Amino acid sequence: QVQLVESGGGSVQAGGSLRLSCAASGYTEASGYTFSTYSMGWFRQAPGKEREEVATISTYGGTTYYAGSVKGRFTISRDNAKNTLYLQMNSLKPEDTGTYYCAAGRPWRTWQYWGQGTQVTVSS
């Protein structure tokens, strides 16, 4: 079974930065494919709101997608050699507060596997 474990969440003042990480394992056993063959994405959800797709990255990092609310502030990246996905979050705003989840899937922006989430809180 594919396992995704997020880390790096926490509390930060508005204007600050955080880097989230998502460590992936079990791809070969579950699907016969390696980490590099999966699209990866970051999602977030605040209480009472729909889950939001924050950023997505293609198998080798050549294509990215960002939600309009984070474009220019967040950067998604991946290190296929380390089976790790990252989300660099700069200029954080209180509205960025939520639980952030990483996801994996194929083809691009289809999601079969999810992490348990990490909490991000941005205060004024």
PDB file of N, CA and C in Angstrom:
ATOM      1  N   GLN A   1       0.841  -1.186   0.000  1.00  0.00           N
ATOM      2  CA  GLN A   1       0.000   0.000   0.000  1.00  0.00           C
ATOM      3  C   GLN A   1       0.881   1.243   0.000  1.00  0.00           C
ATOM      4  N   VAL A   2       0.517   2.217  -0.827  1.00  0.00           N
ATOM      5  CA  VAL A   2       1.225   3.482  -0.847  1.00  0.00           C
ATOM      6  C   VAL A   2       0.932   4.229   0.444  1.00  0.00           C
ATOM      7  N   GLN A   3       1.972   4.766   1.045  1.00  0.00           N
ATOM      8  CA  GLN A   3       1.839   5.556   2.252  1.00  0.00           C
ATOM      9  C   GLN A   3       2.445   6.930   2.038  1.00  0.00           C
ATOM     10  N   LEU A   4       1.713   7.944   2.456  1.00  0.00           N
ATOM     11  CA  LEU A   4       2.155   9.325   2.354  1.00  0.00           C
ATOM     12  C   LEU A   4       2.100   9.939   3.742  1.00  0.00           C
ATOM     13  N   VAL A   5       3.189  10.537   4.169  1.00  0.00           N
ATOM     14  CA  VAL A   5       3.273  11.124   5.497  1.00  0.00           C
ATOM     15  C   VAL A   5       3.733  12.562   5.376  1.00  0.00           C
ATOM     16  N   GLU A   6       2.856  13.483   5.774  1.00  0.00           N
ATOM     17  CA  GLU A   6       3.176  14.899   5.726  1.00  0.00           C
ATOM     18  C   GLU A   6       3.891  15.328   7.001  1.00  0.00           C
ATOM     19  N   SER A   7       4.714  16.350   6.874  1.00  0.00           N
ATOM     20  CA  SER A   7       5.362  16.952   8.021  1.00  0.00           C
ATOM     21  C   SER A   7       5.671  18.405   7.696  1.00  0.00           C
ATOM     22  N   GLY A   8       6.030  19.158   8.708  1.00  0.00           N
ATOM     23  CA  GLY A   8       6.441  20.535   8.520  1.00  0.00           C
ATOM     24  C   GLY A   8       5.401  21.573   8.865  1.00  0.00           C
ATOM     25  N   GLY A   9       4.203  21.145   9.210  1.00  0.00           N
ATOM     26  CA  GLY A   9       3.185  22.097   9.606  1.00  0.00           C
ATOM     27  C   GLY A   9       3.496  22.714  10.955  1.00  0.00           C
ATOM     28  N   GLY A  10       2.772  23.752  11.267  1.00  0.00           N
ATOM     29  CA  GLY A  10       2.960  24.436  12.529  1.00  0.00           C
ATOM     30  C   GLY A  10       2.257  25.768  12.525  1.00  0.00           C
ATOM     31  N   SER A  11       2.605  26.577  13.491  1.00  0.00           N
ATOM     32  CA  SER A  11       2.037  27.912  13.634  1.00  0.00           C
ATOM     33  C   SER A  11       3.063  28.953  13.231  1.00  0.00           C
ATOM     34  N   VAL A  12       2.611  29.945  12.499  1.00  0.00           N
ATOM     35  CA  VAL A  12       3.506  30.977  12.011  1.00  0.00           C
ATOM     36  C   VAL A  12       2.750  32.298  11.939  1.00  0.00           C
ATOM     37  N   GLN A  13       3.474  33.374  12.089  1.00  0.00           N
ATOM     38  CA  GLN A  13       2.879  34.693  11.936  1.00  0.00           C
ATOM     39  C   GLN A  13       2.652  35.012  10.466  1.00  0.00           C
ATOM     40  N   ALA A  14       1.657  35.829  10.210  1.00  0.00           N
ATOM     41  CA  ALA A  14       1.424  36.289   8.848  1.00  0.00           C
ATOM     42  C   ALA A  14       2.692  36.893   8.266  1.00  0.00           C
ATOM     43  N   GLY A  15       2.948  36.557   7.023  1.00  0.00           N
ATOM     44  CA  GLY A  15       4.158  36.998   6.365  1.00  0.00           C
ATOM     45  C   GLY A  15       5.314  36.029   6.476  1.00  0.00           C
ATOM     46  N   GLY A  16       5.175  35.038   7.323  1.00  0.00           N
ATOM     47  CA  GLY A  16       6.223  34.061   7.513  1.00  0.00           C
ATOM     48  C   GLY A  16       6.187  32.958   6.480  1.00  0.00           C
ATOM     49  N   SER A  17       7.049  31.978   6.686  1.00  0.00           N
ATOM     50  CA  SER A  17       7.199  30.884   5.732  1.00  0.00           C
ATOM     51  C   SER A  17       7.207  29.541   6.438  1.00  0.00           C
ATOM     52  N   LEU A  18       6.759  28.540   5.721  1.00  0.00           N
ATOM     53  CA  LEU A  18       6.852  27.154   6.146  1.00  0.00           C
ATOM     54  C   LEU A  18       7.162  26.305   4.932  1.00  0.00           C
ATOM     55  N   ARG A  19       7.813  25.186   5.158  1.00  0.00           N
ATOM     56  CA  ARG A  19       7.997  24.205   4.110  1.00  0.00           C
ATOM     57  C   ARG A  19       7.420  22.876   4.564  1.00  0.00           C
ATOM     58  N   LEU A  20       6.438  22.405   3.835  1.00  0.00           N
ATOM     59  CA  LEU A  20       5.840  21.125   4.101  1.00  0.00           C
ATOM     60  C   LEU A  20       6.545  20.043   3.293  1.00  0.00           C
ATOM     61  N   SER A  21       6.633  18.872   3.875  1.00  0.00           N
ATOM     62  CA  SER A  21       7.209  17.726   3.198  1.00  0.00           C
ATOM     63  C   SER A  21       6.225  16.573   3.217  1.00  0.00           C
ATOM     64  N   CYS A  22       6.287  15.753   2.210  1.00  0.00           N
ATOM     65  CA  CYS A  22       5.469  14.549   2.129  1.00  0.00           C
ATOM     66  C   CYS A  22       6.378  13.410   1.715  1.00  0.00           C
ATOM     67  N   ALA A  23       6.604  12.494   2.626  1.00  0.00           N
ATOM     68  CA  ALA A  23       7.441  11.335   2.359  1.00  0.00           C
ATOM     69  C   ALA A  23       6.573  10.181   1.880  1.00  0.00           C
ATOM     70  N   ALA A  24       6.941   9.607   0.756  1.00  0.00           N
ATOM     71  CA  ALA A  24       6.164   8.544   0.143  1.00  0.00           C
ATOM     72  C   ALA A  24       6.905   7.220   0.221  1.00  0.00           C
ATOM     73  N   SER A  25       6.137   6.158   0.391  1.00  0.00           N
ATOM     74  CA  SER A  25       6.709   4.823   0.408  1.00  0.00           C
ATOM     75  C   SER A  25       5.671   3.832  -0.100  1.00  0.00           C
ATOM     76  N   GLY A  26       6.133   2.648  -0.477  1.00  0.00           N
ATOM     77  CA  GLY A  26       5.230   1.574  -0.839  1.00  0.00           C
ATOM     78  C   GLY A  26       4.718   1.595  -2.267  1.00  0.00           C
ATOM     79  N   TYR A  27       5.229   2.459  -3.104  1.00  0.00           N
ATOM     80  CA  TYR A  27       4.719   2.540  -4.469  1.00  0.00           C
ATOM     81  C   TYR A  27       4.901   1.241  -5.234  1.00  0.00           C
ATOM     82  N   THR A  28       6.087   0.684  -5.159  1.00  0.00           N
ATOM     83  CA  THR A  28       6.384  -0.511  -5.934  1.00  0.00           C
ATOM     84  C   THR A  28       5.509  -1.678  -5.521  1.00  0.00           C
ATOM     85  N   GLU A  29       5.368  -1.894  -4.248  1.00  0.00           N
ATOM     86  CA  GLU A  29       4.544  -3.001  -3.769  1.00  0.00           C
ATOM     87  C   GLU A  29       3.083  -2.830  -4.155  1.00  0.00           C
ATOM     88  N   ALA A  30       2.592  -1.628  -4.092  1.00  0.00           N
ATOM     89  CA  ALA A  30       1.177  -1.382  -4.320  1.00  0.00           C
ATOM     90  C   ALA A  30       0.790  -1.383  -5.793  1.00  0.00           C
ATOM     91  N   SER A  31       1.637  -0.846  -6.635  1.00  0.00           N
ATOM     92  CA  SER A  31       1.247  -0.602  -8.014  1.00  0.00           C
ATOM     93  C   SER A  31       2.232  -1.111  -9.056  1.00  0.00           C
ATOM     94  N   GLY A  32       3.439  -1.407  -8.646  1.00  0.00           N
ATOM     95  CA  GLY A  32       4.468  -1.762  -9.603  1.00  0.00           C
ATOM     96  C   GLY A  32       5.144  -0.569 -10.245  1.00  0.00           C
ATOM     97  N   TYR A  33       4.771   0.628  -9.834  1.00  0.00           N
ATOM     98  CA  TYR A  33       5.362   1.852 -10.335  1.00  0.00           C
ATOM     99  C   TYR A  33       6.098   2.581  -9.220  1.00  0.00           C
ATOM    100  N   THR A  34       7.097   3.334  -9.605  1.00  0.00           N
ATOM    101  CA  THR A  34       7.879   4.079  -8.637  1.00  0.00           C
ATOM    102  C   THR A  34       7.293   5.469  -8.431  1.00  0.00           C
ATOM    103  N   PHE A  35       7.811   6.146  -7.421  1.00  0.00           N
ATOM    104  CA  PHE A  35       7.344   7.480  -7.076  1.00  0.00           C
ATOM    105  C   PHE A  35       7.349   8.418  -8.272  1.00  0.00           C
ATOM    106  N   SER A  36       8.362   8.313  -9.103  1.00  0.00           N
ATOM    107  CA  SER A  36       8.520   9.249 -10.204  1.00  0.00           C
ATOM    108  C   SER A  36       7.429   9.143 -11.258  1.00  0.00           C
ATOM    109  N   THR A  37       6.667   8.070 -11.275  1.00  0.00           N
ATOM    110  CA  THR A  37       5.607   7.895 -12.262  1.00  0.00           C
ATOM    111  C   THR A  37       4.273   8.482 -11.814  1.00  0.00           C
ATOM    112  N   TYR A  38       4.193   9.008 -10.605  1.00  0.00           N
ATOM    113  CA  TYR A  38       2.955   9.554 -10.071  1.00  0.00           C
ATOM    114  C   TYR A  38       2.975  11.065 -10.041  1.00  0.00           C
ATOM    115  N   SER A  39       1.863  11.641 -10.440  1.00  0.00           N
ATOM    116  CA  SER A  39       1.640  13.044 -10.146  1.00  0.00           C
ATOM    117  C   SER A  39       1.428  13.200  -8.642  1.00  0.00           C
ATOM    118  N   MET A  40       1.822  14.335  -8.119  1.00  0.00           N
ATOM    119  CA  MET A  40       1.676  14.611  -6.697  1.00  0.00           C
ATOM    120  C   MET A  40       0.993  15.956  -6.509  1.00  0.00           C
ATOM    121  N   GLY A  41       0.260  16.070  -5.424  1.00  0.00           N
ATOM    122  CA  GLY A  41      -0.433  17.319  -5.172  1.00  0.00           C
ATOM    123  C   GLY A  41      -0.559  17.631  -3.701  1.00  0.00           C
ATOM    124  N   TRP A  42      -0.773  18.895  -3.437  1.00  0.00           N
ATOM    125  CA  TRP A  42      -1.087  19.381  -2.104  1.00  0.00           C
ATOM    126  C   TRP A  42      -2.506  19.930  -2.087  1.00  0.00           C
ATOM    127  N   PHE A  43      -3.239  19.576  -1.053  1.00  0.00           N
ATOM    128  CA  PHE A  43      -4.595  20.045  -0.839  1.00  0.00           C
ATOM    129  C   PHE A  43      -4.704  20.614   0.564  1.00  0.00           C
ATOM    130  N   ARG A  44      -5.693  21.441   0.773  1.00  0.00           N
ATOM    131  CA  ARG A  44      -5.934  21.944   2.114  1.00  0.00           C
ATOM    132  C   ARG A  44      -7.425  22.047   2.367  1.00  0.00           C
ATOM    133  N   GLN A  45      -7.771  22.004   3.637  1.00  0.00           N
ATOM    134  CA  GLN A  45      -9.163  22.103   4.027  1.00  0.00           C
ATOM    135  C   GLN A  45      -9.271  22.821   5.358  1.00  0.00           C
ATOM    136  N   ALA A  46     -10.119  23.817   5.391  1.00  0.00           N
ATOM    137  CA  ALA A  46     -10.441  24.527   6.616  1.00  0.00           C
ATOM    138  C   ALA A  46     -11.824  24.092   7.082  1.00  0.00           C
ATOM    139  N   PRO A  47     -12.103  24.180   8.380  1.00  0.00           N
ATOM    140  CA  PRO A  47     -13.419  23.784   8.875  1.00  0.00           C
ATOM    141  C   PRO A  47     -14.546  24.506   8.151  1.00  0.00           C
ATOM    142  N   GLY A  48     -15.538  23.749   7.721  1.00  0.00           N
ATOM    143  CA  GLY A  48     -16.681  24.322   7.046  1.00  0.00           C
ATOM    144  C   GLY A  48     -16.464  24.658   5.588  1.00  0.00           C
ATOM    145  N   LYS A  49     -15.310  24.334   5.064  1.00  0.00           N
ATOM    146  CA  LYS A  49     -15.016  24.644   3.674  1.00  0.00           C
ATOM    147  C   LYS A  49     -14.697  23.379   2.890  1.00  0.00           C
ATOM    148  N   GLU A  50     -14.852  23.484   1.587  1.00  0.00           N
ATOM    149  CA  GLU A  50     -14.514  22.373   0.714  1.00  0.00           C
ATOM    150  C   GLU A  50     -13.004  22.189   0.643  1.00  0.00           C
ATOM    151  N   ARG A  51     -12.606  20.960   0.400  1.00  0.00           N
ATOM    152  CA  ARG A  51     -11.211  20.689   0.151  1.00  0.00           C
ATOM    153  C   ARG A  51     -10.756  21.442  -1.094  1.00  0.00           C
ATOM    154  N   GLU A  52      -9.609  22.045  -1.012  1.00  0.00           N
ATOM    155  CA  GLU A  52      -9.092  22.881  -2.079  1.00  0.00           C
ATOM    156  C   GLU A  52      -7.788  22.310  -2.608  1.00  0.00           C
ATOM    157  N   GLU A  53      -7.696  22.220  -3.910  1.00  0.00           N
ATOM    158  CA  GLU A  53      -6.437  21.835  -4.541  1.00  0.00           C
ATOM    159  C   GLU A  53      -5.513  23.043  -4.530  1.00  0.00           C
ATOM    160  N   VAL A  54      -4.395  22.907  -3.864  1.00  0.00           N
ATOM    161  CA  VAL A  54      -3.462  24.015  -3.697  1.00  0.00           C
ATOM    162  C   VAL A  54      -2.431  24.048  -4.808  1.00  0.00           C
ATOM    163  N   ALA A  55      -1.799  22.915  -5.050  1.00  0.00           N
ATOM    164  CA  ALA A  55      -0.741  22.848  -6.039  1.00  0.00           C
ATOM    165  C   ALA A  55      -0.539  21.410  -6.460  1.00  0.00           C
ATOM    166  N   THR A  56      -0.147  21.229  -7.701  1.00  0.00           N
ATOM    167  CA  THR A  56       0.062  19.913  -8.269  1.00  0.00           C
ATOM    168  C   THR A  56       1.339  19.937  -9.100  1.00  0.00           C
ATOM    169  N   ILE A  57       2.026  18.811  -9.133  1.00  0.00           N
ATOM    170  CA  ILE A  57       3.250  18.710  -9.909  1.00  0.00           C
ATOM    171  C   ILE A  57       3.255  17.389 -10.659  1.00  0.00           C
ATOM    172  N   SER A  58       3.734  17.420 -11.882  1.00  0.00           N
ATOM    173  CA  SER A  58       3.752  16.241 -12.721  1.00  0.00           C
ATOM    174  C   SER A  58       4.892  15.317 -12.335  1.00  0.00           C
ATOM    175  N   THR A  59       4.956  14.185 -13.009  1.00  0.00           N
ATOM    176  CA  THR A  59       5.847  13.099 -12.595  1.00  0.00           C
ATOM    177  C   THR A  59       7.303  13.510 -12.442  1.00  0.00           C
ATOM    178  N   TYR A  60       7.792  14.306 -13.375  1.00  0.00           N
ATOM    179  CA  TYR A  60       9.186  14.734 -13.326  1.00  0.00           C
ATOM    180  C   TYR A  60       9.335  16.221 -13.029  1.00  0.00           C
ATOM    181  N   GLY A  61       8.260  16.844 -12.638  1.00  0.00           N
ATOM    182  CA  GLY A  61       8.314  18.230 -12.219  1.00  0.00           C
ATOM    183  C   GLY A  61       8.199  19.254 -13.325  1.00  0.00           C
ATOM    184  N   GLY A  62       7.947  18.816 -14.538  1.00  0.00           N
ATOM    185  CA  GLY A  62       7.915  19.749 -15.652  1.00  0.00           C
ATOM    186  C   GLY A  62       6.655  20.583 -15.748  1.00  0.00           C
ATOM    187  N   THR A  63       5.576  20.119 -15.157  1.00  0.00           N
ATOM    188  CA  THR A  63       4.306  20.816 -15.212  1.00  0.00           C
ATOM    189  C   THR A  63       3.793  21.023 -13.801  1.00  0.00           C
ATOM    190  N   THR A  64       3.340  22.220 -13.512  1.00  0.00           N
ATOM    191  CA  THR A  64       2.780  22.524 -12.200  1.00  0.00           C
ATOM    192  C   THR A  64       1.455  23.249 -12.347  1.00  0.00           C
ATOM    193  N   TYR A  65       0.651  23.127 -11.321  1.00  0.00           N
ATOM    194  CA  TYR A  65      -0.615  23.839 -11.224  1.00  0.00           C
ATOM    195  C   TYR A  65      -0.678  24.478  -9.847  1.00  0.00           C
ATOM    196  N   TYR A  66      -1.171  25.707  -9.792  1.00  0.00           N
ATOM    197  CA  TYR A  66      -1.365  26.393  -8.527  1.00  0.00           C
ATOM    198  C   TYR A  66      -2.749  27.010  -8.476  1.00  0.00           C
ATOM    199  N   ALA A  67      -3.361  26.921  -7.328  1.00  0.00           N
ATOM    200  CA  ALA A  67      -4.581  27.667  -7.108  1.00  0.00           C
ATOM    201  C   ALA A  67      -4.272  29.159  -7.180  1.00  0.00           C
ATOM    202  N   GLY A  68      -5.227  29.918  -7.693  1.00  0.00           N
ATOM    203  CA  GLY A  68      -5.004  31.347  -7.835  1.00  0.00           C
ATOM    204  C   GLY A  68      -4.670  32.042  -6.531  1.00  0.00           C
ATOM    205  N   SER A  69      -5.193  31.545  -5.427  1.00  0.00           N
ATOM    206  CA  SER A  69      -4.975  32.180  -4.140  1.00  0.00           C
ATOM    207  C   SER A  69      -3.554  32.028  -3.619  1.00  0.00           C
ATOM    208  N   VAL A  70      -2.804  31.082  -4.155  1.00  0.00           N
ATOM    209  CA  VAL A  70      -1.444  30.846  -3.673  1.00  0.00           C
ATOM    210  C   VAL A  70      -0.384  31.099  -4.732  1.00  0.00           C
ATOM    211  N   LYS A  71      -0.790  31.293  -5.945  1.00  0.00           N
ATOM    212  CA  LYS A  71       0.166  31.475  -7.021  1.00  0.00           C
ATOM    213  C   LYS A  71       1.064  32.676  -6.741  1.00  0.00           C
ATOM    214  N   GLY A  72       2.354  32.468  -6.898  1.00  0.00           N
ATOM    215  CA  GLY A  72       3.322  33.502  -6.604  1.00  0.00           C
ATOM    216  C   GLY A  72       3.849  33.474  -5.189  1.00  0.00           C
ATOM    217  N   ARG A  73       3.172  32.762  -4.297  1.00  0.00           N
ATOM    218  CA  ARG A  73       3.605  32.640  -2.910  1.00  0.00           C
ATOM    219  C   ARG A  73       4.072  31.235  -2.558  1.00  0.00           C
ATOM    220  N   PHE A  74       3.446  30.232  -3.149  1.00  0.00           N
ATOM    221  CA  PHE A  74       3.774  28.844  -2.858  1.00  0.00           C
ATOM    222  C   PHE A  74       4.526  28.236  -4.030  1.00  0.00           C
ATOM    223  N   THR A  75       5.402  27.299  -3.730  1.00  0.00           N
ATOM    224  CA  THR A  75       6.123  26.565  -4.745  1.00  0.00           C
ATOM    225  C   THR A  75       6.089  25.084  -4.423  1.00  0.00           C
ATOM    226  N   ILE A  76       5.600  24.301  -5.371  1.00  0.00           N
ATOM    227  CA  ILE A  76       5.598  22.857  -5.206  1.00  0.00           C
ATOM    228  C   ILE A  76       6.820  22.285  -5.921  1.00  0.00           C
ATOM    229  N   SER A  77       7.429  21.298  -5.309  1.00  0.00           N
ATOM    230  CA  SER A  77       8.586  20.656  -5.909  1.00  0.00           C
ATOM    231  C   SER A  77       8.639  19.208  -5.453  1.00  0.00           C
ATOM    232  N   ARG A  78       9.466  18.437  -6.114  1.00  0.00           N
ATOM    233  CA  ARG A  78       9.611  17.040  -5.740  1.00  0.00           C
ATOM    234  C   ARG A  78      11.045  16.601  -5.936  1.00  0.00           C
ATOM    235  N   ASP A  79      11.456  15.660  -5.119  1.00  0.00           N
ATOM    236  CA  ASP A  79      12.753  15.029  -5.232  1.00  0.00           C
ATOM    237  C   ASP A  79      12.487  13.547  -5.421  1.00  0.00           C
ATOM    238  N   ASN A  80      12.490  13.119  -6.662  1.00  0.00           N
ATOM    239  CA  ASN A  80      12.142  11.733  -6.944  1.00  0.00           C
ATOM    240  C   ASN A  80      13.152  10.746  -6.363  1.00  0.00           C
ATOM    241  N   ALA A  81      14.407  11.159  -6.263  1.00  0.00           N
ATOM    242  CA  ALA A  81      15.414  10.285  -5.679  1.00  0.00           C
ATOM    243  C   ALA A  81      15.152  10.014  -4.205  1.00  0.00           C
ATOM    244  N   LYS A  82      14.491  10.950  -3.536  1.00  0.00           N
ATOM    245  CA  LYS A  82      14.175  10.805  -2.118  1.00  0.00           C
ATOM    246  C   LYS A  82      12.717  10.456  -1.868  1.00  0.00           C
ATOM    247  N   ASN A  83      11.947  10.272  -2.926  1.00  0.00           N
ATOM    248  CA  ASN A  83      10.517   9.961  -2.802  1.00  0.00           C
ATOM    249  C   ASN A  83       9.803  10.981  -1.917  1.00  0.00           C
ATOM    250  N   THR A  84      10.092  12.233  -2.149  1.00  0.00           N
ATOM    251  CA  THR A  84       9.574  13.285  -1.286  1.00  0.00           C
ATOM    252  C   THR A  84       8.999  14.431  -2.099  1.00  0.00           C
ATOM    253  N   LEU A  85       7.871  14.923  -1.639  1.00  0.00           N
ATOM    254  CA  LEU A  85       7.191  16.079  -2.206  1.00  0.00           C
ATOM    255  C   LEU A  85       7.311  17.234  -1.219  1.00  0.00           C
ATOM    256  N   TYR A  86       7.436  18.451  -1.746  1.00  0.00           N
ATOM    257  CA  TYR A  86       7.574  19.630  -0.905  1.00  0.00           C
ATOM    258  C   TYR A  86       6.572  20.702  -1.303  1.00  0.00           C
ATOM    259  N   LEU A  87       6.243  21.526  -0.340  1.00  0.00           N
ATOM    260  CA  LEU A  87       5.489  22.739  -0.610  1.00  0.00           C
ATOM    261  C   LEU A  87       6.131  23.860   0.184  1.00  0.00           C
ATOM    262  N   GLN A  88       6.798  24.751  -0.512  1.00  0.00           N
ATOM    263  CA  GLN A  88       7.371  25.930   0.106  1.00  0.00           C
ATOM    264  C   GLN A  88       6.313  27.016   0.128  1.00  0.00           C
ATOM    265  N   MET A  89       5.989  27.500   1.305  1.00  0.00           N
ATOM    266  CA  MET A  89       4.938  28.483   1.487  1.00  0.00           C
ATOM    267  C   MET A  89       5.555  29.753   2.039  1.00  0.00           C
ATOM    268  N   ASN A  90       5.503  30.804   1.251  1.00  0.00           N
ATOM    269  CA  ASN A  90       6.031  32.096   1.646  1.00  0.00           C
ATOM    270  C   ASN A  90       4.900  33.108   1.750  1.00  0.00           C
ATOM    271  N   SER A  91       5.181  34.202   2.422  1.00  0.00           N
ATOM    272  CA  SER A  91       4.209  35.282   2.574  1.00  0.00           C
ATOM    273  C   SER A  91       2.860  34.752   3.038  1.00  0.00           C
ATOM    274  N   LEU A  92       2.888  33.941   4.060  1.00  0.00           N
ATOM    275  CA  LEU A  92       1.673  33.279   4.518  1.00  0.00           C
ATOM    276  C   LEU A  92       0.656  34.275   5.050  1.00  0.00           C
ATOM    277  N   LYS A  93      -0.598  33.954   4.801  1.00  0.00           N
ATOM    278  CA  LYS A  93      -1.724  34.773   5.219  1.00  0.00           C
ATOM    279  C   LYS A  93      -2.628  33.968   6.142  1.00  0.00           C
ATOM    280  N   PRO A  94      -3.393  34.639   6.994  1.00  0.00           N
ATOM    281  CA  PRO A  94      -4.308  33.887   7.866  1.00  0.00           C
ATOM    282  C   PRO A  94      -5.247  32.961   7.102  1.00  0.00           C
ATOM    283  N   GLU A  95      -5.655  33.333   5.913  1.00  0.00           N
ATOM    284  CA  GLU A  95      -6.551  32.488   5.136  1.00  0.00           C
ATOM    285  C   GLU A  95      -5.880  31.236   4.599  1.00  0.00           C
ATOM    286  N   ASP A  96      -4.574  31.114   4.766  1.00  0.00           N
ATOM    287  CA  ASP A  96      -3.884  29.883   4.422  1.00  0.00           C
ATOM    288  C   ASP A  96      -4.029  28.816   5.502  1.00  0.00           C
ATOM    289  N   THR A  97      -4.600  29.168   6.615  1.00  0.00           N
ATOM    290  CA  THR A  97      -4.781  28.230   7.714  1.00  0.00           C
ATOM    291  C   THR A  97      -5.645  27.047   7.290  1.00  0.00           C
ATOM    292  N   GLY A  98      -5.237  25.861   7.671  1.00  0.00           N
ATOM    293  CA  GLY A  98      -6.004  24.670   7.370  1.00  0.00           C
ATOM    294  C   GLY A  98      -5.161  23.429   7.550  1.00  0.00           C
ATOM    295  N   THR A  99      -5.783  22.307   7.290  1.00  0.00           N
ATOM    296  CA  THR A  99      -5.075  21.040   7.279  1.00  0.00           C
ATOM    297  C   THR A  99      -4.613  20.756   5.858  1.00  0.00           C
ATOM    298  N   TYR A 100      -3.343  20.512   5.713  1.00  0.00           N
ATOM    299  CA  TYR A 100      -2.751  20.291   4.400  1.00  0.00           C
ATOM    300  C   TYR A 100      -2.482  18.805   4.199  1.00  0.00           C
ATOM    301  N   TYR A 101      -2.913  18.312   3.061  1.00  0.00           N
ATOM    302  CA  TYR A 101      -2.772  16.914   2.708  1.00  0.00           C
ATOM    303  C   TYR A 101      -1.970  16.783   1.421  1.00  0.00           C
ATOM    304  N   CYS A 102      -1.145  15.773   1.361  1.00  0.00           N
ATOM    305  CA  CYS A 102      -0.538  15.441   0.084  1.00  0.00           C
ATOM    306  C   CYS A 102      -1.265  14.250  -0.523  1.00  0.00           C
ATOM    307  N   ALA A 103      -1.204  14.162  -1.831  1.00  0.00           N
ATOM    308  CA  ALA A 103      -1.886  13.110  -2.558  1.00  0.00           C
ATOM    309  C   ALA A 103      -1.037  12.666  -3.734  1.00  0.00           C
ATOM    310  N   ALA A 104      -1.269  11.438  -4.157  1.00  0.00           N
ATOM    311  CA  ALA A 104      -0.560  10.874  -5.294  1.00  0.00           C
ATOM    312  C   ALA A 104      -1.550  10.205  -6.222  1.00  0.00           C
ATOM    313  N   GLY A 105      -1.262  10.263  -7.509  1.00  0.00           N
ATOM    314  CA  GLY A 105      -2.120   9.598  -8.457  1.00  0.00           C
ATOM    315  C   GLY A 105      -1.608   9.710  -9.874  1.00  0.00           C
ATOM    316  N   ARG A 106      -2.265   9.010 -10.739  1.00  0.00           N
ATOM    317  CA  ARG A 106      -2.006   9.079 -12.165  1.00  0.00           C
ATOM    318  C   ARG A 106      -3.274   8.733 -12.907  1.00  0.00           C
ATOM    319  N   PRO A 107      -3.549   9.353 -14.046  1.00  0.00           N
ATOM    320  CA  PRO A 107      -2.728  10.395 -14.669  1.00  0.00           C
ATOM    321  C   PRO A 107      -2.756  11.705 -13.901  1.00  0.00           C
ATOM    322  N   TRP A 108      -2.251  12.730 -14.497  1.00  0.00           N
ATOM    323  CA  TRP A 108      -2.121  14.026 -13.857  1.00  0.00           C
ATOM    324  C   TRP A 108      -3.425  14.500 -13.225  1.00  0.00           C
ATOM    325  N   ARG A 109      -3.345  14.873 -11.966  1.00  0.00           N
ATOM    326  CA  ARG A 109      -4.448  15.438 -11.200  1.00  0.00           C
ATOM    327  C   ARG A 109      -5.617  14.481 -11.024  1.00  0.00           C
ATOM    328  N   THR A 110      -5.320  13.209 -10.955  1.00  0.00           N
ATOM    329  CA  THR A 110      -6.251  12.220 -10.447  1.00  0.00           C
ATOM    330  C   THR A 110      -5.602  11.593  -9.229  1.00  0.00           C
ATOM    331  N   TRP A 111      -6.384  11.331  -8.187  1.00  0.00           N
ATOM    332  CA  TRP A 111      -5.808  11.062  -6.873  1.00  0.00           C
ATOM    333  C   TRP A 111      -6.306   9.748  -6.295  1.00  0.00           C
ATOM    334  N   GLN A 112      -5.383   8.857  -6.029  1.00  0.00           N
ATOM    335  CA  GLN A 112      -5.694   7.544  -5.467  1.00  0.00           C
ATOM    336  C   GLN A 112      -5.204   7.369  -4.034  1.00  0.00           C
ATOM    337  N   TYR A 113      -4.187   8.134  -3.649  1.00  0.00           N
ATOM    338  CA  TYR A 113      -3.571   7.950  -2.338  1.00  0.00           C
ATOM    339  C   TYR A 113      -3.456   9.286  -1.635  1.00  0.00           C
ATOM    340  N   TRP A 114      -3.658   9.235  -0.316  1.00  0.00           N
ATOM    341  CA  TRP A 114      -3.679  10.451   0.491  1.00  0.00           C
ATOM    342  C   TRP A 114      -2.906  10.266   1.780  1.00  0.00           C
ATOM    343  N   GLY A 115      -2.292  11.347   2.240  1.00  0.00           N
ATOM    344  CA  GLY A 115      -1.680  11.360   3.547  1.00  0.00           C
ATOM    345  C   GLY A 115      -2.680  11.718   4.620  1.00  0.00           C
ATOM    346  N   GLN A 116      -2.218  11.745   5.844  1.00  0.00           N
ATOM    347  CA  GLN A 116      -3.103  11.999   6.978  1.00  0.00           C
ATOM    348  C   GLN A 116      -3.267  13.476   7.294  1.00  0.00           C
ATOM    349  N   GLY A 117      -2.428  14.314   6.737  1.00  0.00           N
ATOM    350  CA  GLY A 117      -2.554  15.744   6.906  1.00  0.00           C
ATOM    351  C   GLY A 117      -1.618  16.320   7.949  1.00  0.00           C
ATOM    352  N   THR A 118      -1.309  17.593   7.781  1.00  0.00           N
ATOM    353  CA  THR A 118      -0.539  18.338   8.756  1.00  0.00           C
ATOM    354  C   THR A 118      -1.163  19.724   8.892  1.00  0.00           C
ATOM    355  N   GLN A 119      -1.239  20.200  10.117  1.00  0.00           N
ATOM    356  CA  GLN A 119      -1.947  21.440  10.392  1.00  0.00           C
ATOM    357  C   GLN A 119      -1.041  22.646  10.187  1.00  0.00           C
ATOM    358  N   VAL A 120      -1.575  23.637   9.498  1.00  0.00           N
ATOM    359  CA  VAL A 120      -0.903  24.918   9.312  1.00  0.00           C
ATOM    360  C   VAL A 120      -1.804  26.006   9.872  1.00  0.00           C
ATOM    361  N   THR A 121      -1.267  26.793  10.773  1.00  0.00           N
ATOM    362  CA  THR A 121      -2.009  27.895  11.365  1.00  0.00           C
ATOM    363  C   THR A 121      -1.220  29.178  11.174  1.00  0.00           C
ATOM    364  N   VAL A 122      -1.849  30.152  10.561  1.00  0.00           N
ATOM    365  CA  VAL A 122      -1.224  31.442  10.316  1.00  0.00           C
ATOM    366  C   VAL A 122      -1.994  32.493  11.098  1.00  0.00           C
ATOM    367  N   SER A 123      -1.308  33.188  11.955  1.00  0.00           N
ATOM    368  CA  SER A 123      -1.937  34.185  12.806  1.00  0.00           C
ATOM    369  C   SER A 123      -1.478  35.579  12.428  1.00  0.00           C
ATOM    370  N   SER A 124      -2.296  36.557  12.800  1.00  0.00           N
ATOM    371  CA  SER A 124      -1.940  37.949  12.571  1.00  0.00           C
ATOM    372  C   SER A 124      -1.025  38.466  13.659  1.00  0.00           C
TER     373      SER A 124
END
